[in-house]
Protein backbone atom coordinates (compact mmCIF):
# COMPACT_ATOMS: atom_id res chain seq x y z
CA MET A 1 75.05 46.39 -10.93
CA ARG A 2 74.70 48.91 -13.68
CA LYS A 3 74.02 52.57 -13.05
CA GLY A 4 70.78 52.49 -15.09
CA ASN A 5 69.32 49.69 -12.94
CA THR A 6 70.07 51.63 -9.74
CA ILE A 7 68.39 54.77 -11.05
CA LEU A 8 65.36 52.73 -12.17
CA LYS A 9 65.01 51.16 -8.71
CA ILE A 10 65.19 54.58 -7.04
CA LEU A 11 62.56 56.01 -9.41
CA ASN A 12 60.26 53.02 -8.82
CA LYS A 13 60.44 53.58 -5.06
CA LEU A 14 59.65 57.28 -5.46
CA TRP A 15 56.73 56.77 -7.87
CA ARG A 16 55.18 53.76 -6.17
CA PRO A 17 51.82 54.67 -4.62
CA LYS A 18 52.00 55.03 -0.86
CA ASP A 19 50.17 52.52 1.27
CA ARG A 20 47.40 54.41 3.07
CA ARG A 21 46.87 51.81 5.75
CA LYS A 22 47.32 52.86 9.35
CA HIS A 23 48.05 49.31 10.52
CA VAL A 24 50.37 46.63 9.19
CA ARG A 25 48.56 43.61 7.82
CA ALA A 26 49.86 40.15 8.62
CA PRO A 27 49.58 37.52 5.88
CA VAL A 28 47.52 34.54 7.02
CA SER A 29 45.72 31.56 5.61
CA SER A 30 42.62 31.30 7.78
CA THR A 31 39.05 30.43 6.98
CA VAL A 32 36.17 32.88 7.06
CA LYS A 33 32.41 32.52 6.76
CA PHE A 34 30.20 35.50 6.10
CA ARG A 35 26.72 36.48 5.09
CA ILE A 36 25.56 39.72 3.51
CA LEU A 37 23.06 41.79 5.51
CA ASP A 38 20.70 44.09 3.63
CA SER A 39 21.44 47.71 4.59
CA LYS A 40 17.79 48.76 4.54
CA ASN A 41 16.48 45.71 6.41
CA PRO A 42 19.12 43.70 8.37
CA VAL A 43 16.60 40.88 8.86
CA ILE A 44 17.15 40.10 5.17
CA CYS A 45 20.45 38.26 4.73
CA SER A 46 22.17 35.88 2.36
CA ARG A 47 23.20 32.30 2.86
CA MET A 48 26.63 31.71 4.43
CA ILE A 49 29.55 32.21 2.03
CA GLN A 50 32.96 30.59 2.49
CA GLY A 51 36.21 32.44 1.97
CA LYS A 52 39.84 32.63 2.90
CA VAL A 53 41.52 35.36 4.95
CA LEU A 54 44.52 36.59 2.95
CA ASP A 55 45.77 39.14 5.46
CA ILE A 56 44.55 40.68 8.71
CA SER A 57 45.11 43.67 11.02
CA VAL A 58 43.46 45.36 13.98
CA GLU A 59 41.56 47.49 11.45
CA GLY A 60 40.28 44.76 9.15
CA LEU A 61 41.13 41.98 6.76
CA CYS A 62 41.38 41.00 3.12
CA ILE A 63 39.14 38.12 2.07
CA GLY A 64 39.45 35.92 -0.99
CA THR A 65 36.14 34.46 -2.19
CA ASN A 66 34.47 33.31 -5.38
CA THR A 67 31.15 34.95 -4.45
CA VAL A 68 30.30 38.64 -4.05
CA GLN A 69 26.61 38.43 -4.96
CA ILE A 70 24.11 35.87 -3.70
CA ASP A 71 20.40 35.75 -2.86
CA GLY A 72 19.88 39.17 -4.47
CA LEU A 73 22.46 40.87 -2.21
CA HIS A 74 25.86 42.26 -3.20
CA VAL A 75 28.81 42.91 -0.87
CA PHE A 76 29.53 46.40 -2.18
CA HIS A 77 27.68 49.23 -3.92
CA PRO A 78 30.06 52.20 -4.25
CA SER A 79 27.40 54.53 -5.67
CA SER A 80 24.73 53.74 -3.07
CA PRO A 81 24.32 55.74 0.14
CA TYR A 82 23.33 52.43 1.77
CA GLN A 83 26.15 49.96 2.31
CA ASN A 84 25.40 46.33 3.05
CA LYS A 85 27.23 44.89 6.03
CA LEU A 86 28.76 41.47 6.53
CA GLU A 87 28.11 39.21 9.47
CA ILE A 88 31.50 37.58 9.70
CA GLU A 89 33.12 34.64 11.49
CA VAL A 90 36.90 34.16 11.31
CA GLU A 91 38.86 31.17 12.51
CA LEU A 92 42.40 32.46 13.06
CA ARG A 93 43.66 29.13 14.37
CA PRO A 94 41.83 26.00 15.60
CA ASP A 95 43.01 26.61 19.20
CA LEU A 96 41.62 30.19 19.35
CA PRO A 97 38.01 31.34 19.73
CA ARG A 98 36.44 32.43 16.46
CA LEU A 99 36.02 36.17 15.86
CA ARG A 100 32.34 37.00 15.29
CA THR A 101 31.36 40.53 14.33
CA LEU A 102 29.85 42.89 11.79
CA ALA A 103 32.08 44.29 9.08
CA GLN A 104 31.88 46.57 6.07
CA VAL A 105 33.42 46.02 2.64
CA LYS A 106 35.51 49.02 1.58
CA TRP A 107 36.56 47.71 -1.84
CA TYR A 108 36.62 44.58 -3.95
CA SER A 109 38.30 43.50 -7.15
CA ARG A 110 38.35 40.49 -9.41
CA VAL A 111 41.74 38.76 -9.55
CA GLU A 112 43.13 35.61 -11.08
CA ASP A 113 44.84 33.03 -8.89
CA GLU A 114 45.96 29.43 -9.42
CA MET A 115 42.37 28.22 -9.00
CA GLY A 116 40.90 30.64 -11.56
CA TRP A 117 39.10 33.92 -11.00
CA ILE A 118 38.30 35.01 -7.47
CA TYR A 119 37.40 38.24 -5.74
CA LYS A 120 39.46 40.03 -3.13
CA MET A 121 37.61 42.24 -0.64
CA GLY A 122 39.02 44.80 1.77
CA VAL A 123 36.88 44.64 4.91
CA ASN A 124 36.87 46.84 8.03
CA TRP A 125 35.75 45.56 11.43
CA GLU A 126 32.64 47.35 12.69
CA SER A 127 32.15 46.14 16.22
CA LEU A 128 34.73 43.70 17.58
CA SER A 129 33.97 42.76 21.19
CA GLU A 130 36.64 43.30 23.84
CA SER A 131 37.41 39.57 23.95
CA ASP A 132 37.64 39.39 20.14
CA GLN A 133 39.97 42.41 20.14
CA GLN A 134 42.22 40.69 22.69
CA THR A 135 42.21 37.44 20.70
CA LEU A 136 43.12 39.35 17.52
CA LYS A 137 45.88 41.40 19.19
CA SER A 138 47.39 38.28 20.76
CA PHE A 139 47.30 36.48 17.41
CA LEU A 140 48.93 39.45 15.64
CA LYS A 141 51.68 39.74 18.28
CA LYS A 142 52.60 36.08 17.83
CA LYS A 143 52.37 36.44 14.05
CA ASP A 144 54.58 39.55 14.16
CA ARG A 145 57.24 37.69 16.17
CA SER A 146 57.23 34.81 13.69
CA LEU A 147 57.50 37.23 10.75
CA ILE A 148 60.48 38.96 12.36
CA GLN A 149 62.19 35.61 13.03
CA GLU A 150 61.70 34.53 9.39
CA LYS A 151 63.56 37.59 8.06
C-alpha cells in the first residue's frame, strides 16, 4: 500500500462525522405498517401506509417507504411546533408478536434505491409497552449474536 493511501484513510476517519446515536442499530428487513396521526387532533389520521424496516434499535428504527404525505397529513414538519405522530406496527419476524406503538419521525430524506425513489425516515419509539420492549430486546440480542458470528 502506498503512503498517500494510508494518510488519506487516516484523514477520512478523522473527518468523518461522528454517529450521534446512543444505541447500535441492527440491519433488518422487516415489514412495517403505519398511519399518520394529526398532532392537533389525533382522531384525524391517514390510511395505513406500508413500508420496510431498514434498521432497528431500542431507541427507534429507520423506515423505507414511498409515501410521506397522504390524506392531507405529512410525516414531518421541521418548522412546526406541532409534530404529527405515527401509529406503527412492526413485524420483526413471523414467529414474534408484532410491536404496536406510537412513534415520532425525527428526520426524513429522499433517496434512490434499485426500485426508484423512496423516502427514508428516522423514527423514535414513543411508548413501547413492557412486553414490546422485551420482544424487541430479545430480537436484538439474537440479531447481535448472528452479526457477531458473521464477522
